[in-house]
Amino acid sequence: MSKAKIKTLVPELRFPEFRDAEEWEEKQFGETCKFIRGPFGGSLKKEMFVKDGYAVYEQSHAIHQNYDSFRYYITKEKFNELKRFSVYPNDIIMSCSGTMGKFSIIPDKAKSGVINQALLKLTVNPELNINFIKTTMELSSNQEKLLSQSAGGAIKNIVSVSQIKEIGLYIPPLSEQQKIADCLSSIDELIVAHTQKYEALKAHKKGLMQQLFPAKGETVPKLRFSEFQNSMAWAIKPLSSLLTIGNGKDYKHLSSGNIPVYGSGGYMLSVDKHLYDGESACIGRKGTINKPMFLSGKFWTVDTLFYTHSFKDCSPKFVYLIFQNINWLSHNEAGGVPSLSKTNINRVEVATPSPAEQNRIVECIFSTDDLINTQSQKIESLKTHKKGLMQQLFPVVDEVNT
C-alpha cells in the first residue's frame, strides 16, 4: 500500500451560504500579489538618515505592527529615489530576515516611507481580499513552506523570492474570502482588546509596586494602607538577615515523575524527587537573573536557579515582591553570561515593614497578579480558538492509501 496526496479543496467548516458552492481554486502565491524586496547594498545607510522625514520601515513593524514608532527617516530626495520601495495603505509587509514570515497590513494613516532590506512588500491583486491573503499565509502549513525557503542558523533569510512565489494557496470566491476574513478579524479585535486590558493591568501593578514600597533611600512608601499610616518607618536590612539561599542541583540521576524542575529560564521537566517543599522566592544564578519566580509545593531547581528558605520576619511572598523591586542586572558579576553570587545577593539591603503590613501588601499585589494571569489565559484561549477555526475554515491536503 502506498500513500497518495489527495487535494480536498473544500474546508471542513463552511458558512451556510457557501456549503453548496464550488471547490476552492489553487493558485500560486505569486499570482495573488506583486512582490518587491527591500533595497540592498548602499541604498539605505545610517549616514543617510535624518531626524525627521519619510519613515524607514523595518522588520519590527511587520512583527509588532507598531506604526507610531520609527528609528530612521530619510529626506524627500532619497524617498523619491527609492520610490519603488515605498509603502501605501493596504500593502502587506512581510519579515524576510531574522524572524521569518510575519505579516502586517499597512494602515490608512501610516507614515509615508520605504521598506528596508529585511522586508518584502506585497501588493494584493484587487480581485482578492487582503485580509484573507494575509491570514492564508499565516496558516501553519504555509509558515512551514516559508521557512523551508529560507537559509541560515538562528537568523533566517529568504533564499529566493521566486521560490516563495511558487507556494500553493487555496482561494475561494471573493464573497467567501470576505466572510472568512471578517470572522477571523473579529477574533483578532477581541485579542487586541484583551491584550490592551492585560497591559493596563501590568501597568497598574507596576504603579502599585512603586507606591507601596519606599523609593530608593527612603523608609516610608508613598501609599500606605489606612491601618498603617501612623506606623513606624520600614527597617533597612540585608537580605542575609531575612532568608537563606539554597543552591539548585543536577537532576539527571532522577527518574521521570510529577515534581517540576526549574532553571533560570523557567520550567524544564518533571522528576520523581523534590529538592524543597514549601513556598520560595527564586532568582537566577546564571543566565536569566532579572526574572524572579515564586514557587510553591514540591519542586527541584537546577544550578542556574537559587531558591530561598528559612525566612525570618519576612514571608516568602513578600520576599518575591522585594525581588521584583531589585534591579538584578546592576548586580551582574560577569562580562558574558549574566551571573549572581550568594555573597552579592546576601548583602543587598532592602526595606521591610511589620509582618502585618507585609501581608496586606502581599494580598493586594497577588490579587492583581491573579487578574493578570486570568487575562493572559483569556488571550491564550482566544488564540487557540482562532487557530482551531483556521484549521477548519481552510482546506487541507489529505493522505489516503492507494
Protein backbone atom coordinates (compact mmCIF):
# COMPACT_ATOMS: atom_id res chain seq x y z
CA MET A 1 0.00 0.00 0.00
CA SER A 2 1.29 3.49 -0.82
CA LYS A 3 0.11 6.89 0.20
CA ALA A 4 -1.01 9.49 -2.32
CA LYS A 5 -1.90 13.07 -1.59
CA ILE A 6 -5.47 13.95 -2.46
CA LYS A 7 -6.22 17.64 -2.58
CA THR A 8 -9.58 18.33 -0.98
CA LEU A 9 -10.32 21.91 -1.98
CA VAL A 10 -13.31 22.25 0.34
CA PRO A 11 -12.84 23.25 4.01
CA GLU A 12 -14.22 21.17 6.87
CA LEU A 13 -16.25 24.14 8.12
CA ARG A 14 -18.09 26.38 5.69
CA PHE A 15 -20.57 29.20 6.22
CA PRO A 16 -24.16 28.13 5.32
CA GLU A 17 -24.39 30.27 2.17
CA PHE A 18 -21.28 28.59 0.71
CA ARG A 19 -21.94 24.93 1.58
CA ASP A 20 -23.09 24.13 -1.94
CA ALA A 21 -20.57 26.41 -3.64
CA GLU A 22 -17.76 25.18 -5.87
CA GLU A 23 -14.42 23.95 -4.61
CA TRP A 24 -11.70 26.44 -3.90
CA GLU A 25 -9.21 27.26 -6.62
CA GLU A 26 -5.50 26.56 -6.20
CA LYS A 27 -3.16 29.43 -7.11
CA GLN A 28 0.48 30.15 -6.61
CA PHE A 29 1.33 32.87 -4.09
CA GLY A 30 2.93 34.84 -6.92
CA GLU A 31 -0.42 35.01 -8.74
CA THR A 32 -2.07 36.81 -5.83
CA CYS A 33 0.36 39.68 -5.20
CA LYS A 34 3.02 41.91 -6.65
CA PHE A 35 6.31 41.33 -4.77
CA ILE A 36 9.04 43.87 -4.04
CA ARG A 37 12.07 43.09 -1.84
CA GLY A 38 13.60 45.95 0.14
CA PRO A 39 16.71 47.63 -1.30
CA PHE A 40 20.14 46.07 -0.76
CA GLY A 41 23.64 47.47 -0.75
CA GLY A 42 24.24 51.13 -0.14
CA SER A 43 20.70 52.32 -0.82
CA LEU A 44 19.97 52.79 2.89
CA LYS A 45 22.97 53.61 5.08
CA LYS A 46 22.88 55.13 8.55
CA GLU A 47 24.74 58.21 7.39
CA MET A 48 21.79 58.94 5.07
CA PHE A 49 19.26 59.05 7.91
CA VAL A 50 17.80 62.31 9.22
CA LYS A 51 15.86 63.24 12.37
CA ASP A 52 12.51 63.53 10.61
CA GLY A 53 11.11 62.99 7.16
CA TYR A 54 10.00 59.84 5.34
CA ALA A 55 9.98 56.72 7.52
CA VAL A 56 12.13 53.62 7.06
CA TYR A 57 10.01 50.52 7.73
CA GLU A 58 11.85 47.67 9.43
CA GLN A 59 11.24 44.07 10.38
CA SER A 60 9.85 45.15 13.77
CA HIS A 61 6.90 46.82 12.04
CA ALA A 62 5.87 43.52 10.44
CA ILE A 63 6.29 41.69 13.75
CA HIS A 64 4.79 44.16 16.25
CA GLN A 65 2.57 46.27 13.95
CA ASN A 66 3.59 49.44 15.77
CA TYR A 67 3.32 52.24 13.22
CA ASP A 68 3.80 55.07 15.71
CA SER A 69 7.49 54.37 16.26
CA PHE A 70 10.36 54.62 13.76
CA ARG A 71 14.11 54.63 14.31
CA TYR A 72 15.16 56.03 10.95
CA TYR A 73 13.99 58.63 8.45
CA ILE A 74 15.15 59.74 5.00
CA THR A 75 14.86 63.00 3.06
CA LYS A 76 12.28 63.69 0.37
CA GLU A 77 15.03 63.44 -2.27
CA LYS A 78 16.06 59.98 -1.03
CA PHE A 79 12.43 58.91 -0.84
CA ASN A 80 11.86 59.88 -4.48
CA GLU A 81 14.98 57.94 -5.43
CA LEU A 82 13.65 54.82 -3.67
CA LYS A 83 10.01 55.31 -4.58
CA ARG A 84 9.55 51.77 -5.93
CA PHE A 85 10.17 50.55 -2.35
CA SER A 86 7.58 52.88 -0.81
CA VAL A 87 4.60 51.55 1.13
CA TYR A 88 0.97 52.53 0.84
CA PRO A 89 -2.17 51.75 2.88
CA ASN A 90 -3.29 48.13 2.34
CA ASP A 91 0.15 46.95 1.29
CA ILE A 92 1.31 43.91 3.24
CA ILE A 93 4.84 43.87 4.62
CA MET A 94 6.50 40.53 5.41
CA SER A 95 9.58 39.98 7.55
CA CYS A 96 12.13 38.07 5.48
CA SER A 97 15.27 38.19 7.61
CA GLY A 98 15.75 37.01 11.18
CA THR A 99 12.18 36.34 12.30
CA MET A 100 10.67 34.96 9.11
CA GLY A 101 7.13 35.11 7.82
CA LYS A 102 5.47 37.75 9.99
CA PHE A 103 2.83 39.74 8.08
CA SER A 104 1.28 43.13 8.73
CA ILE A 105 -1.11 45.32 6.74
CA ILE A 106 -0.13 48.98 6.40
CA PRO A 107 -2.96 51.02 7.99
CA ASP A 108 -4.67 54.01 6.35
CA LYS A 109 -2.90 56.67 8.42
CA ALA A 110 0.57 55.13 8.38
CA LYS A 111 3.54 57.42 7.78
CA SER A 112 4.87 57.62 4.22
CA GLY A 113 8.14 55.78 3.80
CA VAL A 114 10.10 52.90 2.28
CA ILE A 115 10.91 49.33 3.34
CA ASN A 116 14.42 48.22 4.20
CA GLN A 117 16.12 45.02 3.03
CA ALA A 118 14.62 42.92 5.85
CA LEU A 119 11.12 43.31 4.40
CA LEU A 120 9.15 42.13 1.42
CA LYS A 121 6.28 44.31 0.21
CA LEU A 122 3.18 42.57 -1.14
CA THR A 123 0.55 44.45 -3.10
CA VAL A 124 -2.50 42.17 -3.28
CA ASN A 125 -4.40 41.94 -6.55
CA PRO A 126 -7.66 43.97 -6.42
CA GLU A 127 -9.91 40.96 -7.02
CA LEU A 128 -8.69 39.36 -3.78
CA ASN A 129 -9.33 40.20 -0.13
CA ILE A 130 -6.14 41.47 1.51
CA ASN A 131 -7.05 40.17 4.99
CA PHE A 132 -7.79 36.74 3.55
CA ILE A 133 -4.40 36.57 1.79
CA LYS A 134 -2.61 37.65 4.98
CA THR A 135 -4.45 35.03 7.03
CA THR A 136 -3.75 32.34 4.43
CA MET A 137 -0.02 33.00 4.68
CA GLU A 138 -0.24 32.77 8.49
CA LEU A 139 -1.52 29.17 8.32
CA SER A 140 0.99 26.80 9.93
CA SER A 141 1.30 24.82 6.68
CA ASN A 142 2.29 27.94 4.74
CA GLN A 143 4.59 29.14 7.53
CA GLU A 144 6.44 25.83 7.21
CA LYS A 145 6.77 26.37 3.46
CA LEU A 146 8.17 29.85 4.01
CA LEU A 147 10.75 28.57 6.48
CA SER A 148 11.72 25.82 4.05
CA GLN A 149 12.63 28.56 1.54
CA SER A 150 14.99 30.26 3.99
CA ALA A 151 18.61 29.67 4.92
CA GLY A 152 20.80 30.35 7.92
CA GLY A 153 21.11 29.17 11.51
CA ALA A 154 19.44 31.19 14.24
CA ILE A 155 19.00 34.11 11.80
CA LYS A 156 16.96 33.08 8.76
CA ASN A 157 16.94 34.82 5.38
CA ILE A 158 14.94 34.34 2.23
CA VAL A 159 16.86 32.34 -0.37
CA SER A 160 14.75 33.26 -3.37
CA VAL A 161 11.62 35.38 -3.79
CA SER A 162 10.81 33.37 -6.93
CA GLN A 163 10.58 30.19 -4.83
CA ILE A 164 8.23 31.88 -2.36
CA LYS A 165 6.01 32.88 -5.26
CA GLU A 166 5.55 29.17 -6.07
CA ILE A 167 3.89 28.36 -2.73
CA GLY A 168 0.42 26.99 -3.43
CA LEU A 169 -2.62 28.71 -1.92
CA TYR A 170 -6.30 27.75 -1.88
CA ILE A 171 -8.60 30.61 -2.86
CA PRO A 172 -12.44 30.70 -2.63
CA PRO A 173 -14.73 33.26 -4.31
CA LEU A 174 -14.30 36.85 -3.12
CA SER A 175 -17.51 36.82 -1.05
CA GLU A 176 -16.31 33.76 0.88
CA GLN A 177 -12.87 35.33 1.32
CA GLN A 178 -14.55 38.36 2.86
CA LYS A 179 -16.70 36.25 5.20
CA ILE A 180 -13.71 34.29 6.48
CA ALA A 181 -11.60 37.43 6.85
CA ASP A 182 -14.38 39.21 8.79
CA CYS A 183 -14.84 36.23 11.11
CA LEU A 184 -11.14 35.95 11.96
CA SER A 185 -10.72 39.74 12.16
CA SER A 186 -13.43 39.89 14.82
CA ILE A 187 -11.42 37.42 16.91
CA ASP A 188 -8.27 39.48 16.30
CA GLU A 189 -10.11 42.55 17.59
CA LEU A 190 -11.04 40.65 20.76
CA ILE A 191 -7.43 39.54 21.19
CA VAL A 192 -6.25 43.14 20.80
CA ALA A 193 -8.84 44.40 23.31
CA HIS A 194 -7.91 41.75 25.88
CA THR A 195 -4.21 42.38 25.27
CA GLN A 196 -4.73 46.07 25.96
CA LYS A 197 -6.51 45.18 29.22
CA TYR A 198 -3.63 42.83 30.07
CA GLU A 199 -1.07 45.60 29.51
CA ALA A 200 -3.18 48.02 31.55
CA LEU A 201 -3.25 45.56 34.46
CA LYS A 202 0.52 45.15 34.30
CA ALA A 203 0.93 48.93 34.31
CA HIS A 204 -1.45 49.14 37.28
CA LYS A 205 0.64 46.58 39.17
CA LYS A 206 3.85 48.45 38.36
CA GLY A 207 2.30 51.67 39.69
CA LEU A 208 1.14 49.93 42.87
CA MET A 209 4.60 48.47 43.46
CA GLN A 210 6.17 51.91 43.07
CA GLN A 211 3.80 53.41 45.64
CA LEU A 212 3.52 50.55 48.14
CA PHE A 213 7.31 50.20 48.51
CA PRO A 214 9.61 53.03 49.62
CA ALA A 215 11.69 54.70 46.92
CA LYS A 216 15.44 54.14 46.97
CA GLY A 217 16.98 55.84 50.01
CA GLU A 218 13.61 56.20 51.77
CA THR A 219 11.95 54.18 54.55
CA VAL A 220 8.27 55.12 54.12
CA PRO A 221 6.20 54.34 51.00
CA LYS A 222 4.12 56.98 49.21
CA LEU A 223 0.97 54.89 49.62
CA ARG A 224 0.15 53.12 52.87
CA PHE A 225 -2.97 51.26 53.94
CA SER A 226 -5.02 53.25 56.44
CA GLU A 227 -4.26 50.98 59.41
CA PHE A 228 -0.51 51.54 58.93
CA GLN A 229 -0.39 55.27 58.17
CA ASN A 230 0.91 56.11 61.66
CA SER A 231 3.18 53.06 61.93
CA MET A 232 6.94 53.09 62.21
CA ALA A 233 9.23 53.52 59.21
CA TRP A 234 10.33 50.38 57.41
CA ALA A 235 13.53 48.74 58.67
CA ILE A 236 16.56 48.53 56.36
CA LYS A 237 18.14 45.08 56.47
CA PRO A 238 20.47 42.98 54.31
CA LEU A 239 18.77 40.03 52.60
CA SER A 240 21.02 37.69 54.60
CA SER A 241 19.10 38.61 57.75
CA LEU A 242 15.75 37.70 56.18
CA LEU A 243 16.35 34.36 54.45
CA THR A 244 18.76 31.62 53.47
CA ILE A 245 19.71 31.00 49.84
CA GLY A 246 19.65 27.41 48.60
CA ASN A 247 21.62 26.04 45.65
CA GLY A 248 19.99 24.22 42.80
CA LYS A 249 21.33 20.76 41.93
CA ASP A 250 21.70 18.42 38.98
CA TYR A 251 18.56 16.35 38.31
CA LYS A 252 19.91 13.87 35.74
CA HIS A 253 20.18 11.00 38.23
CA LEU A 254 16.43 11.28 38.94
CA SER A 255 13.61 9.42 37.22
CA SER A 256 10.63 10.93 35.47
CA GLY A 257 7.79 11.94 37.79
CA ASN A 258 5.44 14.78 38.69
CA ILE A 259 7.82 17.10 40.58
CA PRO A 260 8.59 20.18 38.42
CA VAL A 261 12.21 21.13 37.73
CA TYR A 262 13.04 24.81 37.16
CA GLY A 263 16.05 26.65 35.81
CA SER A 264 16.59 30.39 35.45
CA GLY A 265 14.56 30.27 32.22
CA GLY A 266 11.54 28.59 33.84
CA TYR A 267 10.04 25.10 33.87
CA MET A 268 12.19 22.36 32.33
CA LEU A 269 10.68 18.92 33.02
CA SER A 270 9.34 16.78 35.89
CA VAL A 271 11.12 14.23 38.10
CA ASP A 272 10.30 11.83 40.94
CA LYS A 273 12.00 13.64 43.86
CA HIS A 274 11.90 17.16 45.29
CA LEU A 275 14.68 19.45 46.45
CA TYR A 276 12.36 21.66 48.52
CA ASP A 277 8.76 21.59 49.69
CA GLY A 278 7.10 24.90 50.51
CA GLU A 279 6.87 28.50 49.34
CA SER A 280 10.02 30.07 47.93
CA ALA A 281 11.15 33.17 46.06
CA CYS A 282 13.71 32.18 43.43
CA ILE A 283 16.27 34.19 41.48
CA GLY A 284 18.58 33.19 38.66
CA ARG A 285 22.20 32.39 39.49
CA LYS A 286 23.22 32.36 35.83
CA GLY A 287 21.53 33.27 32.57
CA THR A 288 18.20 34.98 33.25
CA ILE A 289 18.95 36.80 36.50
CA ASN A 290 16.30 39.53 36.31
CA LYS A 291 13.09 37.47 36.40
CA PRO A 292 12.25 36.27 39.94
CA MET A 293 9.90 33.31 40.36
CA PHE A 294 7.53 32.34 43.15
CA LEU A 295 7.30 28.57 43.62
CA SER A 296 5.04 26.66 45.97
CA GLY A 297 4.83 23.00 46.94
CA LYS A 298 7.39 20.36 45.99
CA PHE A 299 9.94 21.39 43.35
CA TRP A 300 13.53 20.96 42.19
CA THR A 301 15.85 23.70 40.91
CA VAL A 302 18.98 23.23 38.82
CA ASP A 303 22.25 25.05 39.47
CA THR A 304 21.26 28.09 37.39
CA LEU A 305 18.49 28.99 39.85
CA PHE A 306 18.75 29.88 43.55
CA TYR A 307 15.78 29.20 45.83
CA THR A 308 15.17 30.70 49.31
CA HIS A 309 14.10 29.17 52.61
CA SER A 310 14.29 29.63 56.40
CA PHE A 311 12.62 33.06 56.34
CA LYS A 312 12.97 35.39 59.34
CA ASP A 313 10.39 38.15 59.98
CA CYS A 314 9.54 38.08 56.31
CA SER A 315 7.11 35.92 54.31
CA PRO A 316 8.21 34.13 51.10
CA LYS A 317 5.61 36.04 49.09
CA PHE A 318 6.86 39.37 50.38
CA VAL A 319 10.43 38.36 49.52
CA TYR A 320 9.21 37.61 45.99
CA LEU A 321 7.82 41.17 45.77
CA ILE A 322 11.12 42.54 47.13
CA PHE A 323 12.98 40.58 44.44
CA GLN A 324 10.79 42.18 41.76
CA ASN A 325 11.82 45.63 43.01
CA ILE A 326 15.56 44.94 42.76
CA ASN A 327 17.47 45.76 39.59
CA TRP A 328 19.34 42.46 39.47
CA LEU A 329 21.19 43.34 36.27
CA SER A 330 23.00 46.07 38.22
CA HIS A 331 24.40 43.29 40.43
CA ASN A 332 25.64 41.21 37.49
CA GLU A 333 29.12 39.84 38.17
CA ALA A 334 30.07 38.53 34.72
CA GLY A 335 31.08 40.09 31.43
CA GLY A 336 29.48 37.36 29.33
CA VAL A 337 26.50 35.34 30.59
CA PRO A 338 24.86 37.33 33.45
CA SER A 339 25.63 35.83 36.88
CA LEU A 340 24.87 36.39 40.56
CA SER A 341 26.55 35.00 43.66
CA LYS A 342 25.14 34.24 47.11
CA THR A 343 27.55 36.79 48.61
CA ASN A 344 26.31 39.56 46.37
CA ILE A 345 22.64 38.71 46.93
CA ASN A 346 23.03 38.43 50.71
CA ARG A 347 24.45 41.92 51.08
CA VAL A 348 21.69 43.68 49.12
CA GLU A 349 19.86 45.93 51.57
CA VAL A 350 16.07 46.16 51.45
CA ALA A 351 13.30 47.89 53.40
CA THR A 352 10.75 45.75 55.26
CA PRO A 353 7.68 46.69 57.34
CA SER A 354 5.92 44.70 60.07
CA PRO A 355 4.59 41.23 59.18
CA ALA A 356 1.02 42.60 59.28
CA GLU A 357 1.80 45.30 56.71
CA GLN A 358 3.69 42.78 54.60
CA ASN A 359 0.57 40.60 54.48
CA ARG A 360 -1.66 43.49 53.34
CA ILE A 361 0.76 44.37 50.55
CA VAL A 362 1.03 40.72 49.51
CA GLU A 363 -2.77 40.38 49.39
CA CYS A 364 -3.07 43.49 47.22
CA ILE A 365 -0.30 42.65 44.71
CA PHE A 366 -1.05 38.94 44.47
CA SER A 367 -4.74 39.66 43.79
CA THR A 368 -3.58 41.90 40.93
CA ASP A 369 -1.33 39.08 39.72
CA ASP A 370 -4.38 36.79 39.70
CA LEU A 371 -6.21 39.27 37.46
CA ILE A 372 -3.18 39.49 35.15
CA ASN A 373 -2.91 35.68 34.92
CA THR A 374 -6.64 35.34 34.24
CA GLN A 375 -6.37 37.94 31.48
CA SER A 376 -3.38 36.13 29.97
CA GLN A 377 -5.34 32.88 29.94
CA LYS A 378 -8.23 34.61 28.13
CA ILE A 379 -5.81 35.81 25.44
CA GLU A 380 -4.31 32.34 25.01
CA SER A 381 -7.80 30.83 24.87
CA LEU A 382 -8.80 33.23 22.09
CA LYS A 383 -5.61 32.46 20.16
CA THR A 384 -6.33 28.73 20.49
CA HIS A 385 -9.91 29.29 19.34
CA LYS A 386 -8.68 31.24 16.31
CA LYS A 387 -6.14 28.55 15.45
CA GLY A 388 -8.85 25.87 15.62
CA LEU A 389 -11.15 27.91 13.40
CA MET A 390 -8.40 28.46 10.85
CA GLN A 391 -7.78 24.72 10.67
CA GLN A 392 -11.45 24.17 9.81
CA LEU A 393 -12.08 27.21 7.58
CA PHE A 394 -9.27 26.36 5.15
CA PRO A 395 -8.92 23.21 3.01
CA VAL A 396 -6.26 20.66 3.91
CA VAL A 397 -4.31 18.09 1.90
CA ASP A 398 -5.42 14.61 2.98
CA GLU A 399 -3.44 11.40 2.62
CA VAL A 400 -5.20 8.18 1.66
CA ASN A 401 -3.95 4.66 1.00
CA THR A 402 -3.89 3.62 -2.65
